[in-house]
Amino acid sequence: MAAGSASPLPDDPPGIVDRKAEHIRINLEEDVAAKGVTTGFERYRFVHRALPEIDLESVSLQTSFLGRRLDAPLLFSCMTGGTARARQINRTLAAAAQRHRVAMGLGSCRVLLEHPEVLATFTVRDLCPDVPLLANLGAVQLNLGVGTAACRRIVDLLEADALVLHLNPLQEALQPEGNTRFAGLFGRIEALCASLEVPVIVKEVGWGIAPDLVAALFDAGVAAVDVAGAGGTSWSEVERHRIADPVRARVAAAFADWGLPTAEAIRLAREAAPRGTLIASGGIRGGVDVAMAIALGADLAGSAGSMLRAADLGEETLDAAVDEITDTLRIAMFCAGARDVGSLFRDARLLPRAAGGAGTPELLTGARRPSAARQIRARLTPPQHSAAGGAATP
């Protein structure tokens, strides 16, 4: 059954839930892609291994995350909840996550604290008992009275393996009802990491996390960082479609090219945190993008927009989308000579594309990438934050 055909809940509460419904509609019906900025993956290419010396059937996509085995290094990134349509989308995604054994993220769960009656729109553990399930909350809520007890309640209600805190200052600044009290937030994140019983993950929503903050977040105790770079869905564009005032709409449009491209965000994050668990999201549209993200340093790749659209069309469309990603990833690994996820990072060779075709680009291999020696040692050493499952190992 397509998510769009779900009957409305008779008691859908107003306000925040109305906004969630708008966000779903806009993401599905409007052009919300970043403008003037790309993911940066097009700046690299794999060196083709004409003699890979492995069999395609021996290529393994398996990895682990939060102590659970995955059949592919893929995450359905945190998307939605709170409405009847969101419930159907979440349940379609969760069932697919279990079938394909990939990780599953939920949309912002703040609404549960204000409207507990919408719990059913987030509850999916019954459909995905064996995969990592991530609850999600806007980090700014920690400055607005949400403490450890409320975070624990969200995690317990959803039977989640971890809590994601999303950073979205630009979206909050543009959103008519946004909360922009970000001062002192880092200390509250650090305190939550120390007091919450499950791992805390920090992510952006599509503008990237700079490497100095990545390093600081791991020092503060986070279990994983999702860099969520620019080049995919732009939430400034999403909010632009919600703004009635033309001046404010033009302000939002000015940020369509804002952010750190995903490819650079993950490369720099791996340099800054050679032992940390890193997730790459932001414009991940296919298996070659996943392969590129892992070769640049990610442990998992997250996809939101394309999975949301597929899930809205139903189970069959979503299964086909996941199969396309994993089949493409397997073939990319085979042709790069990587028999598993760990060797894709360690051994696959990347060739930066020369700007304008001028000059001969330098080959990036496991021995010549920036800080590669530290990165390789990190792959062979137990990760510092074992609660997150750590970096993939061969």
Protein backbone atom coordinates (compact mmCIF):
# COMPACT_ATOMS: atom_id res chain seq x y z
CA MET A 1 0.00 0.00 0.00
CA ALA A 2 1.48 3.38 -0.92
CA ALA A 3 2.03 5.72 2.00
CA GLY A 4 0.02 8.42 0.31
CA SER A 5 -3.09 6.27 0.48
CA ALA A 6 -3.04 5.93 4.28
CA SER A 7 -6.19 7.22 5.91
CA PRO A 8 -5.69 10.24 8.18
CA LEU A 9 -5.62 9.84 11.93
CA PRO A 10 -8.85 11.29 13.32
CA ASP A 11 -7.02 13.08 16.12
CA ASP A 12 -3.97 14.45 14.31
CA PRO A 13 -2.88 17.34 16.58
CA PRO A 14 -2.19 20.75 15.07
CA GLY A 15 1.00 22.85 15.09
CA ILE A 16 4.16 20.77 14.99
CA VAL A 17 2.32 17.90 13.28
CA ASP A 18 1.00 20.25 10.60
CA ARG A 19 4.60 21.28 9.96
CA LYS A 20 5.67 17.65 9.65
CA ALA A 21 2.90 17.05 7.13
CA GLU A 22 4.06 20.09 5.15
CA HIS A 23 7.64 18.81 5.18
CA ILE A 24 6.58 15.45 3.75
CA ARG A 25 4.48 17.06 1.04
CA ILE A 26 7.19 19.54 0.04
CA ASN A 27 9.91 16.90 -0.08
CA LEU A 28 7.75 14.70 -2.29
CA GLU A 29 6.25 17.36 -4.56
CA GLU A 30 8.69 20.30 -4.82
CA ASP A 31 12.24 20.81 -6.08
CA VAL A 32 14.19 20.95 -2.82
CA ALA A 33 17.61 19.97 -4.12
CA ALA A 34 20.59 22.15 -3.29
CA LYS A 35 21.37 24.68 -6.02
CA GLY A 36 24.91 25.67 -7.01
CA VAL A 37 26.60 23.06 -4.84
CA THR A 38 27.14 19.35 -5.45
CA THR A 39 28.06 16.42 -3.23
CA GLY A 40 31.62 16.52 -4.57
CA PHE A 41 31.65 12.83 -5.49
CA GLU A 42 31.94 13.83 -9.13
CA ARG A 43 35.42 15.18 -8.34
CA TYR A 44 36.72 11.64 -7.87
CA ARG A 45 36.72 8.43 -9.82
CA PHE A 46 37.74 4.88 -8.95
CA VAL A 47 40.75 3.40 -10.69
CA HIS A 48 39.33 0.41 -12.50
CA ARG A 49 40.96 -2.92 -11.64
CA ALA A 50 40.97 -4.84 -14.91
CA LEU A 51 42.28 -7.84 -12.97
CA PRO A 52 40.65 -7.60 -9.54
CA GLU A 53 41.87 -11.07 -8.42
CA ILE A 54 38.63 -11.71 -6.56
CA ASP A 55 35.33 -13.31 -7.54
CA LEU A 56 32.22 -11.17 -7.68
CA GLU A 57 30.34 -13.73 -5.59
CA SER A 58 32.95 -13.44 -2.83
CA VAL A 59 32.43 -9.68 -2.39
CA SER A 60 30.84 -9.06 1.01
CA LEU A 61 28.83 -5.95 1.88
CA GLN A 62 28.41 -7.01 5.50
CA THR A 63 29.45 -4.76 8.35
CA SER A 64 28.30 -4.00 11.89
CA PHE A 65 26.82 -0.98 13.59
CA LEU A 66 25.72 -0.50 17.20
CA GLY A 67 26.56 -4.14 17.84
CA ARG A 68 24.22 -5.45 15.15
CA ARG A 69 25.15 -7.10 11.89
CA LEU A 70 24.17 -5.38 8.65
CA ASP A 71 24.03 -6.98 5.22
CA ALA A 72 25.03 -3.67 3.62
CA PRO A 73 26.62 -0.46 4.96
CA LEU A 74 23.41 1.47 4.49
CA LEU A 75 21.18 3.59 6.74
CA PHE A 76 17.69 4.82 6.01
CA SER A 77 18.42 8.29 7.36
CA CYS A 78 16.13 9.94 9.90
CA MET A 79 13.13 11.31 8.00
CA THR A 80 9.66 11.59 9.42
CA GLY A 81 6.93 10.80 11.96
CA GLY A 82 3.92 12.34 13.64
CA THR A 83 1.27 12.01 10.91
CA ALA A 84 -0.77 9.21 9.34
CA ARG A 85 1.23 9.44 6.13
CA ALA A 86 4.48 9.42 8.11
CA ARG A 87 3.34 6.31 9.96
CA GLN A 88 2.87 4.40 6.73
CA ILE A 89 6.21 5.63 5.37
CA ASN A 90 8.04 4.66 8.59
CA ARG A 91 6.48 1.22 8.65
CA THR A 92 7.29 0.64 4.99
CA LEU A 93 10.90 1.69 5.62
CA ALA A 94 11.21 -0.41 8.77
CA ALA A 95 9.96 -3.57 7.11
CA ALA A 96 12.39 -3.02 4.24
CA ALA A 97 15.24 -2.36 6.70
CA GLN A 98 14.56 -5.76 8.26
CA ARG A 99 14.33 -7.54 4.89
CA HIS A 100 17.56 -6.01 3.61
CA ARG A 101 19.18 -5.87 7.07
CA VAL A 102 20.16 -2.21 6.98
CA ALA A 103 19.92 0.44 9.69
CA MET A 104 16.76 2.49 10.26
CA GLY A 105 16.40 6.09 11.48
CA LEU A 106 13.24 7.84 12.63
CA GLY A 107 12.25 11.46 12.17
CA SER A 108 12.43 14.05 14.94
CA CYS A 109 10.71 12.65 18.02
CA ARG A 110 10.18 15.95 19.83
CA VAL A 111 6.50 15.73 18.91
CA LEU A 112 6.19 12.69 21.18
CA LEU A 113 6.98 14.87 24.18
CA GLU A 114 4.18 17.29 23.29
CA HIS A 115 1.68 14.90 21.69
CA PRO A 116 2.20 11.35 23.02
CA GLU A 117 -0.91 10.28 21.12
CA VAL A 118 1.18 10.15 17.89
CA LEU A 119 3.45 7.40 19.25
CA ALA A 120 2.00 4.92 16.74
CA THR A 121 3.43 6.98 13.87
CA PHE A 122 6.96 6.22 15.14
CA THR A 123 6.58 2.71 16.54
CA VAL A 124 8.32 0.30 14.16
CA ARG A 125 10.46 -2.01 16.32
CA ASP A 126 7.98 -4.84 15.74
CA LEU A 127 8.82 -4.67 12.03
CA CYS A 128 12.61 -4.40 12.37
CA PRO A 129 13.64 -6.37 15.47
CA ASP A 130 17.14 -7.24 14.27
CA VAL A 131 18.54 -3.99 12.86
CA PRO A 132 19.84 -0.80 14.48
CA LEU A 133 16.97 1.60 15.17
CA LEU A 134 17.77 5.27 15.77
CA ALA A 135 15.54 7.71 17.64
CA ASN A 136 16.07 11.36 16.75
CA LEU A 137 15.77 14.76 18.41
CA GLY A 138 16.78 18.29 17.49
CA ALA A 139 19.88 19.09 19.55
CA VAL A 140 18.59 22.61 20.26
CA GLN A 141 15.84 21.04 22.39
CA LEU A 142 18.50 20.39 25.04
CA ASN A 143 18.60 24.18 25.49
CA LEU A 144 14.81 24.36 25.72
CA GLY A 145 14.13 22.16 28.71
CA VAL A 146 14.54 18.67 27.27
CA GLY A 147 16.88 16.74 29.56
CA THR A 148 18.21 13.25 30.02
CA ALA A 149 14.92 11.92 31.42
CA ALA A 150 12.95 13.02 28.35
CA CYS A 151 15.60 11.63 26.01
CA ARG A 152 15.54 8.34 27.91
CA ARG A 153 11.76 8.26 27.61
CA ILE A 154 11.92 8.67 23.83
CA VAL A 155 14.50 5.90 23.52
CA ASP A 156 12.50 3.57 25.76
CA LEU A 157 9.19 4.23 24.01
CA LEU A 158 10.71 3.41 20.63
CA GLU A 159 13.02 0.60 21.82
CA ALA A 160 15.81 2.42 20.00
CA ASP A 161 19.48 1.42 19.99
CA ALA A 162 20.73 5.02 19.98
CA LEU A 163 19.61 8.62 20.05
CA VAL A 164 20.51 10.92 17.17
CA LEU A 165 20.83 14.64 17.92
CA HIS A 166 20.45 16.65 14.74
CA LEU A 167 22.13 20.01 14.26
CA ASN A 168 20.16 22.38 12.03
CA PRO A 169 20.94 26.02 12.88
CA LEU A 170 20.31 27.26 9.34
CA GLN A 171 16.93 25.55 9.13
CA GLU A 172 15.91 26.89 12.53
CA ALA A 173 16.99 30.41 11.50
CA LEU A 174 14.79 30.27 8.40
CA GLN A 175 11.82 28.40 9.84
CA PRO A 176 9.02 30.77 10.91
CA GLU A 177 8.65 28.85 14.18
CA GLY A 178 12.35 28.01 14.52
CA ASN A 179 14.37 27.81 17.74
CA THR A 180 17.80 29.45 17.49
CA ARG A 181 19.10 29.19 21.06
CA PHE A 182 22.30 27.35 20.20
CA ALA A 183 24.59 29.02 22.78
CA GLY A 184 26.12 26.57 25.23
CA LEU A 185 24.70 23.57 23.40
CA PHE A 186 27.98 21.67 23.10
CA GLY A 187 28.22 21.28 26.87
CA ARG A 188 24.69 19.91 27.03
CA ILE A 189 25.51 17.36 24.33
CA GLU A 190 28.57 16.31 26.29
CA ALA A 191 26.52 15.96 29.47
CA LEU A 192 23.88 13.87 27.70
CA CYS A 193 26.56 11.52 26.35
CA ALA A 194 27.71 10.95 29.92
CA SER A 195 24.24 10.38 31.37
CA LEU A 196 22.24 8.53 28.70
CA GLU A 197 22.48 4.74 28.74
CA VAL A 198 22.46 4.35 24.94
CA PRO A 199 24.91 5.77 22.40
CA VAL A 200 24.43 9.36 21.25
CA ILE A 201 24.99 10.14 17.57
CA VAL A 202 25.27 13.67 16.20
CA LYS A 203 24.28 14.58 12.65
CA GLU A 204 23.74 17.62 10.49
CA VAL A 205 20.74 17.81 8.19
CA GLY A 206 22.47 18.69 4.93
CA TRP A 207 25.13 21.39 5.38
CA GLY A 208 27.98 19.30 6.73
CA ILE A 209 30.04 19.16 9.93
CA ALA A 210 33.52 20.68 9.82
CA PRO A 211 36.44 18.50 10.93
CA ASP A 212 37.29 20.47 14.08
CA LEU A 213 33.74 19.95 15.38
CA VAL A 214 33.87 16.27 14.39
CA ALA A 215 36.96 15.80 16.56
CA ALA A 216 35.44 17.76 19.44
CA LEU A 217 32.23 15.73 19.33
CA PHE A 218 34.12 12.46 19.64
CA ASP A 219 36.12 13.92 22.51
CA ALA A 220 32.79 14.83 24.14
CA GLY A 221 31.69 11.20 24.01
CA VAL A 222 29.45 10.85 20.98
CA ALA A 223 29.39 7.35 19.52
CA ALA A 224 29.20 8.35 15.86
CA VAL A 225 28.97 11.43 13.64
CA ASP A 226 26.88 11.73 10.48
CA VAL A 227 28.49 14.54 8.48
CA ALA A 228 25.33 15.01 6.33
CA GLY A 229 26.99 17.23 3.76
CA ALA A 230 25.66 19.53 1.08
CA GLY A 231 24.56 18.42 -2.36
CA GLY A 232 21.35 16.55 -1.62
CA THR A 233 18.13 17.88 -0.11
CA SER A 234 18.47 21.49 1.04
CA TRP A 235 16.32 22.24 4.06
CA SER A 236 16.62 25.94 3.32
CA GLU A 237 14.83 25.14 0.08
CA VAL A 238 12.25 23.09 1.96
CA GLU A 239 11.57 26.00 4.31
CA ARG A 240 11.49 28.44 1.38
CA HIS A 241 8.46 26.59 0.07
CA ARG A 242 6.73 27.13 3.42
CA ILE A 243 7.40 30.87 3.67
CA ALA A 244 4.62 33.20 2.53
CA ASP A 245 6.54 36.45 2.93
CA PRO A 246 8.46 37.09 -0.34
CA VAL A 247 11.34 38.86 1.41
CA ARG A 248 11.90 35.97 3.80
CA ALA A 249 11.54 33.53 0.90
CA ARG A 250 14.37 35.33 -0.92
CA VAL A 251 16.46 35.17 2.25
CA ALA A 252 15.96 31.39 2.29
CA ALA A 253 16.83 31.14 -1.41
CA ALA A 254 20.17 32.83 -0.73
CA PHE A 255 21.30 29.68 1.10
CA ALA A 256 20.54 27.16 -1.65
CA ASP A 257 24.28 26.64 -2.23
CA TRP A 258 25.31 26.72 1.44
CA GLY A 259 27.37 24.02 3.12
CA LEU A 260 30.33 21.67 2.97
CA PRO A 261 29.97 19.11 0.16
CA THR A 262 29.48 15.56 1.36
CA ALA A 263 32.64 14.12 -0.21
CA GLU A 264 34.87 16.73 1.39
CA ALA A 265 33.00 16.53 4.69
CA ILE A 266 33.64 12.79 5.00
CA ARG A 267 37.27 13.01 3.83
CA LEU A 268 38.06 15.76 6.31
CA ALA A 269 36.11 14.04 9.08
CA ARG A 270 38.16 10.86 8.66
CA GLU A 271 41.37 12.88 8.89
CA ALA A 272 40.11 14.54 12.07
CA ALA A 273 38.77 11.35 13.68
CA PRO A 274 40.70 8.34 12.36
CA ARG A 275 39.13 6.01 14.93
CA GLY A 276 35.59 7.40 15.01
CA THR A 277 32.48 5.84 13.51
CA LEU A 278 31.44 8.05 10.60
CA ILE A 279 28.27 8.12 8.54
CA ALA A 280 28.13 9.86 5.16
CA SER A 281 24.82 11.30 4.03
CA GLY A 282 23.72 14.18 1.86
CA GLY A 283 22.98 13.40 -1.76
CA ILE A 284 23.73 9.64 -1.58
CA ARG A 285 21.73 8.54 -4.60
CA GLY A 286 23.22 5.22 -5.69
CA GLY A 287 25.66 2.41 -5.07
CA VAL A 288 28.64 4.19 -6.60
CA ASP A 289 28.01 7.11 -4.22
CA VAL A 290 27.99 4.65 -1.32
CA ALA A 291 31.24 3.09 -2.53
CA MET A 292 32.84 6.50 -2.94
CA ALA A 293 31.75 7.59 0.53
CA ILE A 294 33.27 4.50 2.11
CA ALA A 295 36.47 4.81 0.10
CA LEU A 296 36.78 8.39 1.39
CA GLY A 297 36.38 7.25 4.99
CA ALA A 298 32.75 6.54 5.92
CA ASP A 299 31.64 3.42 7.78
CA LEU A 300 28.03 3.70 6.62
CA ALA A 301 26.17 5.73 4.03
CA GLY A 302 22.78 7.23 4.78
CA SER A 303 20.06 7.99 2.25
CA ALA A 304 16.89 9.96 2.96
CA GLY A 305 15.24 11.75 0.04
CA SER A 306 15.39 8.92 -2.48
CA MET A 307 14.25 6.38 0.13
CA LEU A 308 11.38 8.66 1.22
CA ARG A 309 10.13 8.92 -2.34
CA ALA A 310 10.43 5.16 -2.90
CA ALA A 311 8.71 4.32 0.39
CA ASP A 312 5.84 6.67 -0.42
CA LEU A 313 5.22 4.61 -3.56
CA GLY A 314 5.19 1.36 -1.61
CA GLU A 315 7.10 -1.75 -0.65
CA GLU A 316 7.91 -3.00 -4.14
CA THR A 317 9.38 0.33 -5.25
CA LEU A 318 11.45 0.60 -2.09
CA ASP A 319 12.80 -2.94 -2.41
CA ALA A 320 13.82 -2.21 -5.98
CA ALA A 321 15.60 0.98 -4.90
CA VAL A 322 17.58 -0.83 -2.19
CA ASP A 323 18.42 -3.72 -4.52
CA GLU A 324 19.70 -1.24 -7.10
CA ILE A 325 21.99 0.40 -4.53
CA THR A 326 23.38 -2.85 -3.15
CA ASP A 327 23.86 -4.48 -6.57
CA THR A 328 25.68 -1.41 -7.84
CA LEU A 329 27.80 -1.22 -4.69
CA ARG A 330 28.83 -4.87 -5.01
CA ILE A 331 29.89 -4.44 -8.63
CA ALA A 332 31.76 -1.21 -7.82
CA MET A 333 33.66 -3.01 -5.06
CA PHE A 334 34.45 -5.91 -7.40
CA CYS A 335 35.80 -3.57 -10.09
CA ALA A 336 37.81 -1.65 -7.48
CA GLY A 337 39.34 -4.87 -6.17
CA ALA A 338 37.69 -4.65 -2.74
CA ARG A 339 36.43 -7.91 -1.30
CA ASP A 340 34.79 -6.29 1.76
CA VAL A 341 33.86 -2.92 3.24
CA GLY A 342 37.13 -2.56 5.13
CA SER A 343 39.26 -3.15 2.05
CA LEU A 344 37.15 -0.69 0.05
CA PHE A 345 38.52 2.04 2.29
CA ARG A 346 41.99 0.52 2.65
CA ASP A 347 42.80 -0.68 -0.84
CA ALA A 348 40.57 0.97 -3.45
CA ARG A 349 42.34 3.64 -5.45
CA LEU A 350 40.75 7.01 -6.15
CA LEU A 351 41.71 9.40 -8.88
CA PRO A 352 40.76 13.04 -8.34
CA ARG A 353 39.50 14.52 -11.59
CA ALA A 354 41.73 17.38 -12.73
CA ALA A 355 39.95 20.74 -12.82
CA GLY A 356 39.15 21.62 -16.40
CA GLY A 357 41.01 18.55 -17.59
CA ALA A 358 44.36 20.25 -17.03
CA GLY A 359 47.38 18.42 -15.66
CA THR A 360 47.71 14.90 -14.36
CA PRO A 361 45.79 14.27 -11.15
CA GLU A 362 47.56 12.51 -8.29
CA LEU A 363 46.44 8.96 -7.54
CA LEU A 364 45.05 8.53 -4.02
CA THR A 365 45.67 5.07 -2.58
CA GLY A 366 45.65 3.69 0.91
CA ALA A 367 49.27 4.74 1.32
CA ARG A 368 48.97 8.23 -0.12
CA ARG A 369 45.71 9.63 1.18
CA PRO A 370 46.13 12.36 3.79
CA SER A 371 46.70 10.76 7.22
CA ALA A 372 46.30 7.32 5.61
CA ALA A 373 48.70 5.58 7.99
CA ARG A 374 46.62 6.72 10.97
CA GLN A 375 43.45 5.67 9.21
CA ILE A 376 44.74 2.17 8.41
CA ARG A 377 46.00 1.64 11.96
CA ALA A 378 42.60 2.75 13.21
CA ARG A 379 40.95 0.07 11.07
CA LEU A 380 43.08 -2.56 12.81
CA THR A 381 42.55 -1.19 16.33
CA PRO A 382 39.40 -1.57 18.44
CA PRO A 383 37.44 1.69 18.12
CA GLN A 384 37.43 4.12 21.01
CA HIS A 385 33.62 4.25 21.09
CA SER A 386 32.77 0.56 21.04
CA ALA A 387 29.07 1.22 21.76
CA ALA A 388 28.62 2.33 18.18
CA GLY A 389 30.05 -0.81 16.69
CA GLY A 390 33.14 1.05 15.48
CA ALA A 391 34.73 1.34 12.11
CA ALA A 392 34.21 -1.53 9.70
CA THR A 393 36.98 -4.12 9.78
CA PRO A 394 37.91 -6.59 7.12
